[in-house]
């Protein structure tokens, strides 16, 4: 039931807003609350810019909502001809051949390599305004699939909101920042399970050194769980990287939390014996009960959220997202 102040409801009526009226009304009410909050002008400017950037991002991605996308991260300083550049280019080419689109930071180096491989028609550029990075470095400049951001947090949200998979090549502070934030979001369940590939050129130990650091400094100290090291896959083989990504979605489609349950939507149904096997292998993820088939919940029907797909559900122990990632991968064996 709509619960909006009369003046906001009248404004929405005048604009002909029918879809998601309550949410749109809350946006309007939130904007007006800023006027009464006595905040500084800079806070208002940040809020306005954030809303504008998120709107432009959502608009750019909307026509391609049904297409799977992979985010490619890596150094802007990698030059054409270097092994990492070639790996990113070939990866972009091969994953595009599988029907995927790529999302890059829209700058030079690894970003340009990914776009070169996939082609501009299958690429998005999520750029950031930096004083030392020339605008003409964006291979998608002028393309409607290129969105510019001032704030890194908005840019990261755009990446995570749109991407179904992630490939990281060697890079500097920015790449490390993206790697740790991505793993943090997956580990804490703030991001939907998805395949993460750490791609290093043959003979390069960049990501193996990264894993060694995690094992020695974090795992051995009890700061992460062993299952957290399975949130990513290290490889030097582009074909293996593509296979790891595409196989993740062979059976798995998406997840949603509904009340106490985790609902796993499937691309196609699985046999009963597979469900029983998963229930035994991943019993540590089940708070009580068992993994069972289900139909779409009332919330999913209300949102028209993939109501046609088969589903599994169980009461999920929410501290075990690393193991949840393993369960999703195990679906591929069903």
Protein backbone atom coordinates (compact mmCIF):
# COMPACT_ATOMS: atom_id res chain seq x y z
CA UNK A 1 0.00 0.00 0.00
CA UNK A 2 1.29 3.43 -0.92
CA UNK A 3 2.38 5.51 2.06
CA UNK A 4 3.53 8.88 0.72
CA UNK A 5 2.95 12.47 1.86
CA UNK A 6 0.06 14.01 -0.12
CA UNK A 7 2.28 16.65 -1.77
CA UNK A 8 4.72 14.00 -3.03
CA UNK A 9 1.90 11.75 -4.24
CA UNK A 10 0.45 14.74 -6.11
CA UNK A 11 3.83 15.44 -7.73
CA UNK A 12 4.12 11.82 -8.89
CA UNK A 13 0.58 11.97 -10.25
CA UNK A 14 1.44 15.13 -12.20
CA UNK A 15 4.48 13.40 -13.69
CA UNK A 16 2.49 10.27 -14.49
CA UNK A 17 4.68 8.04 -12.30
CA UNK A 18 3.03 4.64 -11.88
CA UNK A 19 5.86 2.12 -11.71
CA UNK A 20 7.69 1.79 -8.37
CA UNK A 21 5.86 4.84 -7.02
CA UNK A 22 6.83 4.18 -3.42
CA UNK A 23 10.53 3.97 -4.24
CA UNK A 24 10.42 7.08 -6.41
CA UNK A 25 8.51 8.86 -3.67
CA UNK A 26 11.20 7.93 -1.16
CA UNK A 27 13.82 9.43 -3.47
CA UNK A 28 11.88 12.70 -3.60
CA UNK A 29 11.32 12.68 0.15
CA UNK A 30 15.02 11.99 0.76
CA UNK A 31 16.01 14.94 -1.40
CA UNK A 32 13.67 17.21 0.56
CA UNK A 33 15.05 15.88 3.84
CA UNK A 34 18.45 17.24 2.84
CA UNK A 35 16.93 20.72 2.80
CA UNK A 36 15.81 20.32 6.41
CA UNK A 37 18.94 18.59 7.70
CA UNK A 38 21.18 21.65 7.79
CA UNK A 39 24.04 19.83 6.04
CA UNK A 40 26.88 21.60 4.27
CA UNK A 41 26.66 22.53 0.62
CA UNK A 42 29.38 19.98 -0.20
CA UNK A 43 27.20 17.18 1.22
CA UNK A 44 24.40 18.28 -1.10
CA UNK A 45 26.73 18.36 -4.08
CA UNK A 46 27.97 14.83 -3.31
CA UNK A 47 24.39 13.55 -3.03
CA UNK A 48 23.35 15.20 -6.31
CA UNK A 49 26.43 13.95 -8.17
CA UNK A 50 25.97 10.44 -6.78
CA UNK A 51 22.36 10.26 -7.93
CA UNK A 52 23.27 11.65 -11.35
CA UNK A 53 26.13 9.16 -11.82
CA UNK A 54 24.02 6.20 -10.75
CA UNK A 55 21.23 7.24 -13.10
CA UNK A 56 23.58 7.54 -16.08
CA UNK A 57 25.14 4.19 -15.25
CA UNK A 58 21.80 2.40 -14.90
CA UNK A 59 20.59 3.93 -18.16
CA UNK A 60 23.71 2.81 -20.04
CA UNK A 61 23.47 -0.79 -18.83
CA UNK A 62 19.67 -1.16 -19.01
CA UNK A 63 19.41 -2.24 -22.69
CA UNK A 64 21.87 -5.08 -22.04
CA UNK A 65 20.38 -6.35 -18.79
CA UNK A 66 19.95 -9.90 -20.10
CA UNK A 67 23.54 -10.25 -21.36
CA UNK A 68 26.18 -11.70 -19.05
CA UNK A 69 29.09 -9.33 -18.40
CA UNK A 70 32.61 -9.71 -17.04
CA UNK A 71 34.59 -6.90 -15.42
CA UNK A 72 38.26 -6.72 -16.37
CA UNK A 73 40.65 -5.06 -13.93
CA UNK A 74 44.37 -4.42 -14.33
CA UNK A 75 47.06 -1.80 -14.72
CA UNK A 76 46.62 1.30 -16.87
CA UNK A 77 50.44 1.26 -17.31
CA UNK A 78 50.64 -2.08 -19.13
CA UNK A 79 51.82 -1.43 -22.69
CA UNK A 80 50.83 -3.09 -25.96
CA UNK A 81 53.07 -6.04 -26.66
CA UNK A 82 53.53 -6.95 -22.99
CA UNK A 83 52.38 -10.43 -21.95
CA UNK A 84 49.62 -9.17 -19.64
CA UNK A 85 48.28 -6.84 -22.36
CA UNK A 86 48.08 -9.73 -24.81
CA UNK A 87 46.40 -11.97 -22.22
CA UNK A 88 43.72 -9.33 -21.59
CA UNK A 89 43.18 -8.82 -25.32
CA UNK A 90 42.83 -12.54 -26.03
CA UNK A 91 40.57 -13.01 -23.02
CA UNK A 92 38.28 -10.22 -24.25
CA UNK A 93 38.14 -11.83 -27.68
CA UNK A 94 37.39 -15.32 -26.37
CA UNK A 95 34.78 -14.34 -23.77
CA UNK A 96 32.97 -12.15 -26.34
CA UNK A 97 32.86 -15.18 -28.64
CA UNK A 98 30.95 -16.93 -25.84
CA UNK A 99 28.28 -14.22 -26.01
CA UNK A 100 29.51 -12.16 -23.05
CA UNK A 101 30.20 -8.44 -22.85
CA UNK A 102 33.14 -6.85 -21.02
CA UNK A 103 33.29 -3.93 -18.61
CA UNK A 104 36.57 -2.08 -18.22
CA UNK A 105 37.68 1.15 -16.61
CA UNK A 106 37.70 2.74 -20.07
CA UNK A 107 41.33 3.82 -19.84
CA UNK A 108 44.68 2.70 -21.26
CA UNK A 109 46.68 -0.47 -20.59
CA UNK A 110 44.75 -3.58 -19.61
CA UNK A 111 41.49 -1.68 -20.07
CA UNK A 112 42.20 -0.87 -23.71
CA UNK A 113 43.41 -4.43 -24.29
CA UNK A 114 40.12 -5.89 -23.08
CA UNK A 115 38.12 -3.60 -25.34
CA UNK A 116 40.36 -4.39 -28.31
CA UNK A 117 39.70 -8.07 -27.80
CA UNK A 118 35.95 -7.91 -27.25
CA UNK A 119 35.29 -5.09 -29.71
CA UNK A 120 33.61 -1.80 -28.89
CA UNK A 121 30.15 -3.16 -29.65
CA UNK A 122 30.51 -5.66 -26.78
CA UNK A 123 32.30 -3.35 -24.32
CA UNK A 124 31.39 -0.91 -21.58
CA UNK A 125 33.70 1.80 -20.27
CA UNK A 126 33.28 2.83 -16.62
CA UNK A 127 35.75 5.69 -16.47
CA UNK A 128 37.02 7.83 -13.60
CA UNK A 129 38.01 11.47 -13.84
CA UNK A 130 41.73 11.64 -13.04
CA UNK A 131 43.95 14.69 -13.68
CA UNK A 132 46.82 12.57 -15.02
CA UNK A 133 44.80 10.28 -17.30
CA UNK A 134 43.97 11.85 -20.68
CA UNK A 135 40.38 11.70 -21.89
CA UNK A 136 41.48 10.47 -25.33
CA UNK A 137 42.86 7.31 -23.66
CA UNK A 138 39.29 6.00 -23.44
CA UNK A 139 38.77 3.62 -26.40
CA UNK A 140 34.99 4.02 -25.94
CA UNK A 141 34.93 7.84 -25.86
CA UNK A 142 31.60 9.04 -27.24
CA UNK A 143 30.04 5.58 -27.04
CA UNK A 144 26.71 5.48 -25.10
CA UNK A 145 28.13 2.48 -23.23
CA UNK A 146 30.81 4.70 -21.68
CA UNK A 147 29.98 6.36 -18.35
CA UNK A 148 32.25 8.81 -16.54
CA UNK A 149 32.44 9.03 -12.75
CA UNK A 150 33.96 11.51 -10.35
CA UNK A 151 33.63 9.32 -7.27
CA UNK A 152 35.38 5.97 -6.99
CA UNK A 153 32.65 4.53 -4.78
CA UNK A 154 30.03 5.17 -7.46
CA UNK A 155 32.27 3.64 -10.10
CA UNK A 156 32.86 0.52 -8.00
CA UNK A 157 29.13 0.14 -7.41
CA UNK A 158 28.52 0.35 -11.16
CA UNK A 159 31.09 -2.40 -11.75
CA UNK A 160 29.65 -4.71 -9.09
CA UNK A 161 26.02 -4.02 -9.98
CA UNK A 162 26.48 -4.91 -13.63
CA UNK A 163 29.15 -7.63 -13.62
CA UNK A 164 28.46 -11.36 -13.39
CA UNK A 165 32.16 -12.32 -13.30
CA UNK A 166 35.54 -10.70 -12.69
CA UNK A 167 38.98 -11.09 -14.23
CA UNK A 168 41.96 -9.35 -12.65
CA UNK A 169 45.35 -9.03 -14.30
CA UNK A 170 48.52 -7.65 -12.66
CA UNK A 171 48.23 -4.04 -11.59
CA UNK A 172 49.07 -1.44 -8.98
CA UNK A 173 47.27 0.06 -6.00
CA UNK A 174 44.00 0.38 -7.94
CA UNK A 175 43.99 -3.29 -8.92
CA UNK A 176 44.80 -4.35 -5.37
CA UNK A 177 42.02 -2.11 -4.08
CA UNK A 178 39.55 -3.69 -6.50
CA UNK A 179 40.75 -7.21 -5.64
CA UNK A 180 40.39 -6.78 -1.87
CA UNK A 181 37.07 -4.94 -2.08
CA UNK A 182 35.64 -7.59 -4.39
CA UNK A 183 36.79 -10.44 -2.14
CA UNK A 184 35.47 -8.61 0.92
CA UNK A 185 32.04 -8.20 -0.67
CA UNK A 186 31.92 -11.86 -1.67
CA UNK A 187 33.22 -13.06 1.71
CA UNK A 188 30.59 -11.05 3.61
CA UNK A 189 27.72 -11.81 1.25
CA UNK A 190 27.29 -8.21 0.18
CA UNK A 191 27.87 -9.29 -3.41
CA UNK A 192 26.13 -12.14 -5.25
CA UNK A 193 28.34 -15.22 -5.74
CA UNK A 194 30.27 -14.94 -8.98
CA UNK A 195 33.44 -16.34 -10.55
CA UNK A 196 36.67 -14.42 -9.88
CA UNK A 197 39.70 -15.21 -12.04
CA UNK A 198 43.17 -13.92 -11.19
CA UNK A 199 44.90 -14.09 -14.58
CA UNK A 200 48.69 -13.85 -14.71
CA UNK A 201 50.80 -14.31 -17.86
CA UNK A 202 52.79 -17.56 -18.15
CA UNK A 203 55.94 -17.34 -16.03
CA UNK A 204 54.55 -14.47 -13.94
CA UNK A 205 53.94 -15.19 -10.23
CA UNK A 206 51.98 -12.00 -9.49
CA UNK A 207 48.79 -13.68 -8.25
CA UNK A 208 50.53 -16.73 -6.79
CA UNK A 209 52.54 -14.30 -4.65
CA UNK A 210 49.25 -12.65 -3.70
CA UNK A 211 47.82 -15.99 -2.61
CA UNK A 212 51.01 -16.76 -0.64
CA UNK A 213 50.57 -13.49 1.25
CA UNK A 214 46.96 -14.39 2.05
CA UNK A 215 47.97 -17.84 3.28
CA UNK A 216 50.91 -16.73 5.43
CA UNK A 217 49.66 -13.43 6.80
CA UNK A 218 45.88 -13.91 6.93
CA UNK A 219 44.98 -17.61 6.95
CA UNK A 220 47.73 -18.74 9.32
CA UNK A 221 46.77 -15.96 11.72
CA UNK A 222 43.12 -16.98 11.65
CA UNK A 223 42.05 -13.72 10.02
CA UNK A 224 40.25 -15.51 7.17
CA UNK A 225 38.83 -19.01 6.69
CA UNK A 226 40.38 -21.61 4.40
CA UNK A 227 37.17 -21.52 2.32
CA UNK A 228 37.82 -17.85 1.54
CA UNK A 229 40.79 -18.88 -0.60
CA UNK A 230 38.32 -20.63 -2.90
CA UNK A 231 36.59 -17.37 -3.76
CA UNK A 232 39.05 -16.95 -6.63
CA UNK A 233 40.81 -19.03 -9.27
CA UNK A 234 44.41 -18.40 -10.38
CA UNK A 235 45.43 -19.32 -13.92
CA UNK A 236 47.83 -18.40 -16.71
CA UNK A 237 45.61 -19.96 -19.38
CA UNK A 238 43.08 -17.68 -21.06
CA UNK A 239 40.97 -20.63 -22.24
CA UNK A 240 40.85 -21.93 -18.67
CA UNK A 241 39.78 -18.48 -17.45
CA UNK A 242 36.90 -18.41 -19.93
CA UNK A 243 35.84 -21.97 -19.06
CA UNK A 244 35.90 -21.23 -15.33
CA UNK A 245 33.59 -18.26 -15.87
CA UNK A 246 31.10 -19.80 -18.28
CA UNK A 247 30.81 -23.10 -16.36
CA UNK A 248 29.86 -21.18 -13.20
CA UNK A 249 26.53 -20.30 -14.85
CA UNK A 250 25.86 -23.63 -16.57
CA UNK A 251 23.36 -24.53 -13.83
CA UNK A 252 23.46 -21.63 -11.36
CA UNK A 253 21.58 -18.46 -12.27
CA UNK A 254 21.31 -16.17 -9.23
CA UNK A 255 20.45 -15.99 -5.54
CA UNK A 256 18.11 -14.04 -3.32
CA UNK A 257 17.56 -13.94 0.42
CA UNK A 258 13.89 -14.41 1.30
CA UNK A 259 13.14 -14.22 5.01
CA UNK A 260 15.32 -16.90 6.67
CA UNK A 261 16.00 -18.74 3.43
CA UNK A 262 18.59 -18.44 0.72
CA UNK A 263 16.91 -19.08 -2.63
CA UNK A 264 19.15 -20.34 -5.44
CA UNK A 265 17.66 -19.84 -8.91
CA UNK A 266 18.77 -22.40 -11.52
CA UNK A 267 19.13 -22.14 -15.28
CA UNK A 268 17.59 -25.62 -15.46
CA UNK A 269 16.35 -28.21 -13.00
CA UNK A 270 18.63 -30.76 -11.32
CA UNK A 271 17.97 -34.39 -10.25
CA UNK A 272 16.84 -35.28 -6.74
CA UNK A 273 20.03 -37.25 -6.12
CA UNK A 274 22.07 -34.10 -6.80
CA UNK A 275 20.05 -32.15 -4.23
CA UNK A 276 20.57 -34.91 -1.68
CA UNK A 277 24.29 -34.99 -2.40
CA UNK A 278 24.63 -31.23 -1.97
CA UNK A 279 22.67 -31.39 1.28
CA UNK A 280 25.18 -33.87 2.68
CA UNK A 281 28.33 -32.26 1.32
CA UNK A 282 27.34 -28.77 2.45
CA UNK A 283 25.47 -29.59 5.65
CA UNK A 284 27.60 -26.98 7.43
CA UNK A 285 25.77 -24.27 5.44
CA UNK A 286 22.30 -25.37 6.58
CA UNK A 287 21.05 -23.85 9.84
CA UNK A 288 18.18 -26.33 10.02
CA UNK A 289 16.10 -28.46 7.70
CA UNK A 290 17.47 -29.38 4.28
CA UNK A 291 17.96 -28.15 0.74
CA UNK A 292 14.60 -28.39 -1.02
CA UNK A 293 12.85 -27.38 -4.19
CA UNK A 294 10.55 -24.39 -4.03
CA UNK A 295 8.51 -22.04 -6.16
CA UNK A 296 8.97 -18.27 -6.37
CA UNK A 297 8.21 -16.43 -3.14
CA UNK A 298 5.64 -13.67 -2.84
CA UNK A 299 8.47 -11.12 -2.83
CA UNK A 300 9.93 -12.55 -6.02
CA UNK A 301 6.51 -12.56 -7.70
CA UNK A 302 5.96 -8.96 -6.66
CA UNK A 303 9.27 -7.95 -8.25
CA UNK A 304 8.83 -10.29 -11.25
CA UNK A 305 12.23 -11.65 -10.25
CA UNK A 306 12.94 -14.60 -12.58
CA UNK A 307 9.72 -16.31 -11.52
CA UNK A 308 9.97 -18.80 -14.40
CA UNK A 309 13.20 -20.42 -13.14
CA UNK A 310 13.42 -23.58 -10.98
CA UNK A 311 14.59 -22.98 -7.42
CA UNK A 312 16.26 -24.50 -4.41
CA UNK A 313 16.15 -23.05 -0.91
CA UNK A 314 17.53 -23.68 2.56
CA UNK A 315 18.12 -21.83 5.82
CA UNK A 316 21.60 -20.47 5.29
CA UNK A 317 24.34 -20.02 7.90
CA UNK A 318 25.22 -16.52 6.77
CA UNK A 319 28.79 -16.55 8.04
CA UNK A 320 29.85 -19.13 5.44
CA UNK A 321 29.86 -17.31 2.12
CA UNK A 322 33.18 -18.81 1.09
CA UNK A 323 31.60 -22.26 1.32
CA UNK A 324 28.49 -21.01 -0.49
CA UNK A 325 30.73 -20.23 -3.45
CA UNK A 326 31.86 -23.86 -3.41
CA UNK A 327 28.26 -25.06 -3.35
CA UNK A 328 27.45 -23.00 -6.42
CA UNK A 329 30.42 -24.49 -8.26
CA UNK A 330 29.30 -27.98 -7.22
CA UNK A 331 26.01 -27.41 -9.05
CA UNK A 332 27.96 -27.72 -12.27
CA UNK A 333 28.44 -31.43 -11.51
CA UNK A 334 24.70 -32.09 -11.25
